[in-house]
Amino acid sequence: MKPALLLFTLLALAMPLRADDEKKHPIDQALDAAMERDSSTAGMVQAVSKANKDWDKEMNVLYQDLKKTMKPEEWAALVAAQKAWIVYRDAQTKSIVETYGHMEGTMWIPMSASAVMELTKDRALFLKSLQETISER
């Protein structure tokens, strides 16, 4: 697949239909809006970088909230898992940046930033699902 077509396809998949916006997390909605406002490479990287920071804040809020509701042994296990996840995230980020850095064309820059953001987003959503599971007790 040609790089330009690949980028267009990936961006199209990232931009949901308006009806789906209501189901999307506010961070994703803000990301979509920012990318619509500025679809330049720099604009996309800036939007994804902000979303990554927002997902990191969300993840940390959820992490601290879990501390309040988990049993001590659950919390200890989560702390160990979170520390291991941070090591994984850092190694994965290095791998993503190294791999995408060898691609030709500026379209890979926002794609790299997006792949890195997805790591934190996925962890935040996992912590949210864990929080929802615990609330079922």
N, C-alpha and C. Protein backbone atom coordinates (compact mmCIF):
# COMPACT_ATOMS: atom_id res chain seq x y z
N MET A 1 0.85 -1.18 0.00
CA MET A 1 0.00 0.00 0.00
C MET A 1 0.89 1.23 0.00
N LYS A 2 0.56 2.19 -0.80
CA LYS A 2 1.33 3.44 -0.89
C LYS A 2 1.25 4.18 0.45
N PRO A 3 2.35 4.84 0.88
CA PRO A 3 2.36 5.55 2.16
C PRO A 3 1.24 6.58 2.29
N ALA A 4 0.97 7.35 1.24
CA ALA A 4 -0.08 8.37 1.33
C ALA A 4 -1.45 7.73 1.53
N LEU A 5 -1.70 6.64 0.82
CA LEU A 5 -2.97 5.94 0.97
C LEU A 5 -3.08 5.32 2.36
N LEU A 6 -1.98 4.79 2.87
CA LEU A 6 -1.96 4.22 4.21
C LEU A 6 -2.28 5.28 5.26
N LEU A 7 -1.65 6.45 5.13
CA LEU A 7 -1.91 7.54 6.07
C LEU A 7 -3.37 7.96 6.00
N PHE A 8 -3.89 8.13 4.80
CA PHE A 8 -5.29 8.53 4.64
C PHE A 8 -6.21 7.50 5.28
N THR A 9 -5.94 6.23 5.05
CA THR A 9 -6.76 5.15 5.61
C THR A 9 -6.71 5.16 7.12
N LEU A 10 -5.51 5.30 7.69
CA LEU A 10 -5.39 5.32 9.15
C LEU A 10 -6.08 6.53 9.76
N LEU A 11 -5.94 7.68 9.13
CA LEU A 11 -6.60 8.88 9.64
C LEU A 11 -8.11 8.76 9.51
N ALA A 12 -8.57 8.18 8.42
CA ALA A 12 -10.02 7.99 8.23
C ALA A 12 -10.58 7.06 9.30
N LEU A 13 -9.83 6.03 9.63
CA LEU A 13 -10.27 5.12 10.68
C LEU A 13 -10.27 5.80 12.05
N ALA A 14 -9.36 6.74 12.24
CA ALA A 14 -9.27 7.45 13.52
C ALA A 14 -10.37 8.50 13.65
N MET A 15 -10.93 8.95 12.54
CA MET A 15 -11.97 9.97 12.56
C MET A 15 -13.34 9.28 12.48
N PRO A 16 -14.04 9.15 13.59
CA PRO A 16 -15.30 8.42 13.59
C PRO A 16 -16.43 9.25 12.98
N LEU A 17 -17.50 8.57 12.72
CA LEU A 17 -18.71 9.27 12.31
C LEU A 17 -19.22 10.09 13.48
N ARG A 18 -19.94 11.16 13.22
CA ARG A 18 -20.42 12.05 14.28
C ARG A 18 -21.24 11.32 15.33
N ALA A 19 -22.05 10.36 14.93
CA ALA A 19 -22.88 9.63 15.90
C ALA A 19 -22.02 8.88 16.91
N ASP A 20 -20.85 8.45 16.47
CA ASP A 20 -19.95 7.72 17.37
C ASP A 20 -19.23 8.64 18.34
N ASP A 21 -19.19 9.95 18.05
CA ASP A 21 -18.49 10.89 18.92
C ASP A 21 -19.02 10.86 20.34
N GLU A 22 -20.32 10.65 20.49
CA GLU A 22 -20.92 10.64 21.82
C GLU A 22 -20.37 9.49 22.66
N LYS A 23 -19.98 8.41 22.01
CA LYS A 23 -19.46 7.24 22.72
C LYS A 23 -17.97 7.37 23.01
N LYS A 24 -17.30 8.28 22.32
CA LYS A 24 -15.86 8.42 22.47
C LYS A 24 -15.50 9.14 23.76
N HIS A 25 -14.37 8.81 24.26
CA HIS A 25 -13.84 9.48 25.45
C HIS A 25 -13.58 10.95 25.09
N PRO A 26 -13.78 11.85 26.04
CA PRO A 26 -13.53 13.28 25.76
C PRO A 26 -12.12 13.57 25.24
N ILE A 27 -11.14 12.80 25.66
CA ILE A 27 -9.78 13.02 25.15
C ILE A 27 -9.73 12.70 23.66
N ASP A 28 -10.38 11.62 23.26
CA ASP A 28 -10.42 11.26 21.84
C ASP A 28 -11.21 12.29 21.03
N GLN A 29 -12.28 12.80 21.61
CA GLN A 29 -13.06 13.83 20.92
C GLN A 29 -12.21 15.09 20.72
N ALA A 30 -11.47 15.48 21.74
CA ALA A 30 -10.60 16.66 21.63
C ALA A 30 -9.50 16.42 20.60
N LEU A 31 -8.96 15.23 20.57
CA LEU A 31 -7.93 14.88 19.59
C LEU A 31 -8.48 14.99 18.17
N ASP A 32 -9.65 14.41 17.95
CA ASP A 32 -10.28 14.49 16.63
C ASP A 32 -10.51 15.94 16.21
N ALA A 33 -11.02 16.74 17.13
CA ALA A 33 -11.29 18.15 16.82
C ALA A 33 -10.01 18.90 16.49
N ALA A 34 -8.95 18.64 17.25
CA ALA A 34 -7.68 19.32 17.01
C ALA A 34 -7.10 18.92 15.65
N MET A 35 -7.25 17.67 15.29
CA MET A 35 -6.73 17.22 14.00
C MET A 35 -7.55 17.78 12.84
N GLU A 36 -8.84 17.99 13.08
CA GLU A 36 -9.67 18.63 12.05
C GLU A 36 -9.26 20.08 11.86
N ARG A 37 -8.93 20.76 12.96
CA ARG A 37 -8.52 22.17 12.88
C ARG A 37 -7.18 22.34 12.17
N ASP A 38 -6.25 21.41 12.40
CA ASP A 38 -4.92 21.54 11.81
C ASP A 38 -4.42 20.15 11.43
N SER A 39 -4.56 19.82 10.16
CA SER A 39 -4.17 18.50 9.69
C SER A 39 -2.74 18.47 9.12
N SER A 40 -1.97 19.53 9.38
CA SER A 40 -0.56 19.51 8.98
C SER A 40 0.18 18.50 9.85
N THR A 41 1.35 18.12 9.42
CA THR A 41 2.15 17.18 10.22
C THR A 41 2.39 17.75 11.62
N ALA A 42 2.78 19.02 11.68
CA ALA A 42 3.04 19.64 12.99
C ALA A 42 1.77 19.70 13.82
N GLY A 43 0.66 20.02 13.18
CA GLY A 43 -0.61 20.09 13.89
C GLY A 43 -1.04 18.75 14.45
N MET A 44 -0.85 17.70 13.65
CA MET A 44 -1.21 16.36 14.11
C MET A 44 -0.32 15.93 15.27
N VAL A 45 0.97 16.19 15.15
CA VAL A 45 1.90 15.81 16.23
C VAL A 45 1.55 16.56 17.51
N GLN A 46 1.24 17.84 17.38
CA GLN A 46 0.87 18.64 18.55
C GLN A 46 -0.41 18.09 19.19
N ALA A 47 -1.40 17.76 18.36
CA ALA A 47 -2.66 17.23 18.88
C ALA A 47 -2.46 15.89 19.58
N VAL A 48 -1.67 15.02 18.98
CA VAL A 48 -1.42 13.70 19.57
C VAL A 48 -0.60 13.84 20.85
N SER A 49 0.35 14.75 20.85
CA SER A 49 1.17 14.97 22.06
C SER A 49 0.31 15.45 23.22
N LYS A 50 -0.63 16.36 22.93
CA LYS A 50 -1.54 16.83 23.98
C LYS A 50 -2.42 15.69 24.47
N ALA A 51 -2.93 14.90 23.54
CA ALA A 51 -3.77 13.76 23.92
C ALA A 51 -2.97 12.78 24.78
N ASN A 52 -1.71 12.56 24.43
CA ASN A 52 -0.87 11.66 25.22
C ASN A 52 -0.72 12.18 26.65
N LYS A 53 -0.48 13.49 26.79
CA LYS A 53 -0.39 14.08 28.13
C LYS A 53 -1.71 13.94 28.89
N ASP A 54 -2.82 14.15 28.18
CA ASP A 54 -4.13 14.02 28.81
C ASP A 54 -4.41 12.59 29.24
N TRP A 55 -4.03 11.61 28.40
CA TRP A 55 -4.20 10.20 28.78
C TRP A 55 -3.32 9.85 29.98
N ASP A 56 -2.13 10.44 30.04
CA ASP A 56 -1.24 10.19 31.17
C ASP A 56 -1.86 10.74 32.46
N LYS A 57 -2.44 11.94 32.38
CA LYS A 57 -3.12 12.51 33.56
C LYS A 57 -4.30 11.63 33.97
N GLU A 58 -5.08 11.19 32.98
CA GLU A 58 -6.23 10.33 33.24
C GLU A 58 -5.78 9.03 33.91
N MET A 59 -4.72 8.45 33.37
CA MET A 59 -4.20 7.21 33.94
C MET A 59 -3.78 7.41 35.39
N ASN A 60 -3.11 8.50 35.69
CA ASN A 60 -2.66 8.76 37.05
C ASN A 60 -3.81 9.02 38.02
N VAL A 61 -4.86 9.69 37.55
CA VAL A 61 -6.05 9.89 38.39
C VAL A 61 -6.69 8.54 38.71
N LEU A 62 -6.86 7.72 37.70
CA LEU A 62 -7.46 6.40 37.90
C LEU A 62 -6.60 5.55 38.83
N TYR A 63 -5.30 5.61 38.66
CA TYR A 63 -4.37 4.86 39.50
C TYR A 63 -4.52 5.26 40.97
N GLN A 64 -4.57 6.56 41.22
CA GLN A 64 -4.73 7.05 42.60
C GLN A 64 -6.10 6.71 43.16
N ASP A 65 -7.13 6.76 42.32
CA ASP A 65 -8.48 6.38 42.78
C ASP A 65 -8.53 4.90 43.15
N LEU A 66 -7.82 4.07 42.40
CA LEU A 66 -7.80 2.65 42.73
C LEU A 66 -7.16 2.39 44.09
N LYS A 67 -6.20 3.20 44.45
CA LYS A 67 -5.55 3.05 45.75
C LYS A 67 -6.58 3.16 46.88
N LYS A 68 -7.57 4.00 46.68
CA LYS A 68 -8.60 4.23 47.70
C LYS A 68 -9.59 3.06 47.82
N THR A 69 -9.72 2.27 46.76
CA THR A 69 -10.76 1.23 46.77
C THR A 69 -10.22 -0.19 46.81
N MET A 70 -8.93 -0.35 46.56
CA MET A 70 -8.36 -1.70 46.54
C MET A 70 -7.96 -2.16 47.93
N LYS A 71 -8.01 -3.46 48.12
CA LYS A 71 -7.48 -4.06 49.33
C LYS A 71 -5.96 -3.95 49.28
N PRO A 72 -5.30 -3.93 50.44
CA PRO A 72 -3.84 -3.73 50.46
C PRO A 72 -3.06 -4.68 49.55
N GLU A 73 -3.45 -5.96 49.52
CA GLU A 73 -2.71 -6.90 48.68
C GLU A 73 -2.99 -6.65 47.18
N GLU A 74 -4.18 -6.17 46.87
CA GLU A 74 -4.49 -5.82 45.48
C GLU A 74 -3.68 -4.60 45.06
N TRP A 75 -3.62 -3.62 45.96
CA TRP A 75 -2.87 -2.40 45.67
C TRP A 75 -1.38 -2.72 45.46
N ALA A 76 -0.82 -3.56 46.31
CA ALA A 76 0.60 -3.93 46.18
C ALA A 76 0.84 -4.60 44.82
N ALA A 77 -0.07 -5.45 44.41
CA ALA A 77 0.07 -6.12 43.11
C ALA A 77 -0.05 -5.12 41.97
N LEU A 78 -0.95 -4.16 42.10
CA LEU A 78 -1.10 -3.14 41.06
C LEU A 78 0.13 -2.25 40.98
N VAL A 79 0.68 -1.88 42.12
CA VAL A 79 1.90 -1.05 42.12
C VAL A 79 3.02 -1.78 41.37
N ALA A 80 3.19 -3.07 41.65
CA ALA A 80 4.23 -3.85 40.96
C ALA A 80 3.94 -3.91 39.46
N ALA A 81 2.67 -4.11 39.11
CA ALA A 81 2.29 -4.17 37.70
C ALA A 81 2.51 -2.83 37.01
N GLN A 82 2.20 -1.75 37.70
CA GLN A 82 2.36 -0.42 37.11
C GLN A 82 3.84 -0.11 36.88
N LYS A 83 4.67 -0.49 37.83
CA LYS A 83 6.11 -0.29 37.65
C LYS A 83 6.62 -1.08 36.46
N ALA A 84 6.16 -2.31 36.32
CA ALA A 84 6.56 -3.14 35.18
C ALA A 84 6.01 -2.55 33.88
N TRP A 85 4.79 -2.03 33.92
CA TRP A 85 4.22 -1.41 32.72
C TRP A 85 5.05 -0.20 32.28
N ILE A 86 5.51 0.59 33.23
CA ILE A 86 6.32 1.77 32.89
C ILE A 86 7.61 1.34 32.17
N VAL A 87 8.23 0.28 32.65
CA VAL A 87 9.43 -0.23 31.98
C VAL A 87 9.06 -0.68 30.56
N TYR A 88 7.94 -1.41 30.44
CA TYR A 88 7.46 -1.85 29.13
C TYR A 88 7.18 -0.66 28.22
N ARG A 89 6.46 0.33 28.74
CA ARG A 89 6.10 1.51 27.94
C ARG A 89 7.34 2.22 27.42
N ASP A 90 8.32 2.40 28.29
CA ASP A 90 9.54 3.09 27.89
C ASP A 90 10.30 2.31 26.81
N ALA A 91 10.38 0.99 26.97
CA ALA A 91 11.06 0.16 25.96
C ALA A 91 10.28 0.15 24.65
N GLN A 92 8.97 0.06 24.75
CA GLN A 92 8.13 0.04 23.55
C GLN A 92 8.21 1.39 22.83
N THR A 93 8.22 2.48 23.60
CA THR A 93 8.34 3.81 23.01
C THR A 93 9.65 3.93 22.24
N LYS A 94 10.72 3.46 22.83
CA LYS A 94 12.03 3.51 22.16
C LYS A 94 11.97 2.71 20.86
N SER A 95 11.35 1.56 20.90
CA SER A 95 11.23 0.72 19.71
C SER A 95 10.40 1.41 18.63
N ILE A 96 9.28 2.00 19.03
CA ILE A 96 8.42 2.70 18.07
C ILE A 96 9.16 3.86 17.42
N VAL A 97 9.78 4.69 18.24
CA VAL A 97 10.49 5.86 17.73
C VAL A 97 11.64 5.43 16.80
N GLU A 98 12.35 4.40 17.18
CA GLU A 98 13.46 3.91 16.34
C GLU A 98 12.94 3.39 15.01
N THR A 99 11.89 2.58 15.05
CA THR A 99 11.35 1.99 13.82
C THR A 99 10.76 3.05 12.90
N TYR A 100 9.86 3.88 13.43
CA TYR A 100 9.23 4.91 12.60
C TYR A 100 10.25 5.95 12.14
N GLY A 101 11.30 6.15 12.91
CA GLY A 101 12.33 7.11 12.55
C GLY A 101 13.09 6.73 11.28
N HIS A 102 13.03 5.47 10.90
CA HIS A 102 13.71 5.02 9.69
C HIS A 102 12.78 4.97 8.48
N MET A 103 11.56 5.43 8.65
CA MET A 103 10.61 5.45 7.53
C MET A 103 10.79 6.75 6.75
N GLU A 104 10.53 6.69 5.47
CA GLU A 104 10.65 7.87 4.63
C GLU A 104 9.32 8.59 4.56
N GLY A 105 9.35 9.90 4.73
CA GLY A 105 8.15 10.71 4.63
C GLY A 105 7.72 11.24 5.98
N THR A 106 7.16 12.45 5.96
CA THR A 106 6.76 13.09 7.21
C THR A 106 5.50 12.48 7.82
N MET A 107 4.73 11.72 7.05
CA MET A 107 3.50 11.13 7.59
C MET A 107 3.79 10.17 8.74
N TRP A 108 5.00 9.63 8.79
CA TRP A 108 5.33 8.67 9.84
C TRP A 108 5.55 9.35 11.18
N ILE A 109 5.79 10.64 11.17
CA ILE A 109 6.01 11.36 12.43
C ILE A 109 4.74 11.35 13.29
N PRO A 110 3.57 11.78 12.77
CA PRO A 110 2.36 11.70 13.60
C PRO A 110 1.94 10.25 13.88
N MET A 111 2.26 9.36 12.96
CA MET A 111 1.90 7.95 13.20
C MET A 111 2.72 7.38 14.36
N SER A 112 3.98 7.77 14.45
CA SER A 112 4.82 7.36 15.57
C SER A 112 4.27 7.93 16.88
N ALA A 113 3.94 9.22 16.87
CA ALA A 113 3.39 9.86 18.07
C ALA A 113 2.09 9.17 18.49
N SER A 114 1.27 8.81 17.51
CA SER A 114 0.01 8.14 17.82
C SER A 114 0.23 6.75 18.42
N ALA A 115 1.19 6.02 17.89
CA ALA A 115 1.49 4.68 18.42
C ALA A 115 1.97 4.77 19.87
N VAL A 116 2.77 5.79 20.17
CA VAL A 116 3.23 5.99 21.54
C VAL A 116 2.06 6.36 22.44
N MET A 117 1.18 7.25 21.96
CA MET A 117 0.02 7.66 22.75
C MET A 117 -0.88 6.47 23.08
N GLU A 118 -1.03 5.57 22.12
CA GLU A 118 -1.91 4.42 22.32
C GLU A 118 -1.47 3.55 23.50
N LEU A 119 -0.18 3.52 23.77
CA LEU A 119 0.30 2.75 24.92
C LEU A 119 -0.31 3.27 26.22
N THR A 120 -0.27 4.58 26.40
CA THR A 120 -0.80 5.19 27.63
C THR A 120 -2.32 5.14 27.64
N LYS A 121 -2.93 5.38 26.50
CA LYS A 121 -4.39 5.30 26.41
C LYS A 121 -4.87 3.91 26.81
N ASP A 122 -4.24 2.88 26.26
CA ASP A 122 -4.64 1.51 26.58
C ASP A 122 -4.50 1.22 28.07
N ARG A 123 -3.43 1.72 28.69
CA ARG A 123 -3.25 1.48 30.13
C ARG A 123 -4.31 2.22 30.93
N ALA A 124 -4.60 3.46 30.53
CA ALA A 124 -5.65 4.22 31.23
C ALA A 124 -7.00 3.51 31.12
N LEU A 125 -7.32 3.02 29.94
CA LEU A 125 -8.60 2.31 29.76
C LEU A 125 -8.62 1.00 30.54
N PHE A 126 -7.46 0.35 30.65
CA PHE A 126 -7.40 -0.86 31.48
C PHE A 126 -7.68 -0.52 32.94
N LEU A 127 -7.05 0.55 33.44
CA LEU A 127 -7.28 0.95 34.84
C LEU A 127 -8.73 1.34 35.06
N LYS A 128 -9.35 1.97 34.06
CA LYS A 128 -10.77 2.33 34.15
C LYS A 128 -11.62 1.05 34.24
N SER A 129 -11.31 0.06 33.44
CA SER A 129 -12.07 -1.19 33.50
C SER A 129 -11.85 -1.91 34.83
N LEU A 130 -10.65 -1.81 35.36
CA LEU A 130 -10.36 -2.39 36.68
C LEU A 130 -11.18 -1.69 37.76
N GLN A 131 -11.25 -0.37 37.66
CA GLN A 131 -12.05 0.42 38.60
C GLN A 131 -13.53 0.01 38.52
N GLU A 132 -14.02 -0.17 37.31
CA GLU A 132 -15.43 -0.58 37.13
C GLU A 132 -15.67 -1.98 37.68
N THR A 133 -14.70 -2.86 37.52
CA THR A 133 -14.81 -4.22 38.06
C THR A 133 -14.89 -4.19 39.58
N ILE A 134 -14.02 -3.41 40.19
CA ILE A 134 -14.00 -3.31 41.65
C ILE A 134 -15.30 -2.72 42.18
N SER A 135 -15.89 -1.83 41.43
CA SER A 135 -17.16 -1.20 41.89
C SER A 135 -18.31 -2.20 41.90
N GLU A 136 -18.13 -3.35 41.30
CA GLU A 136 -19.17 -4.38 41.29
C GLU A 136 -19.22 -5.19 42.58
N ARG A 137 -18.27 -4.95 43.48
CA ARG A 137 -18.26 -5.71 44.75
C ARG A 137 -19.43 -5.33 45.60
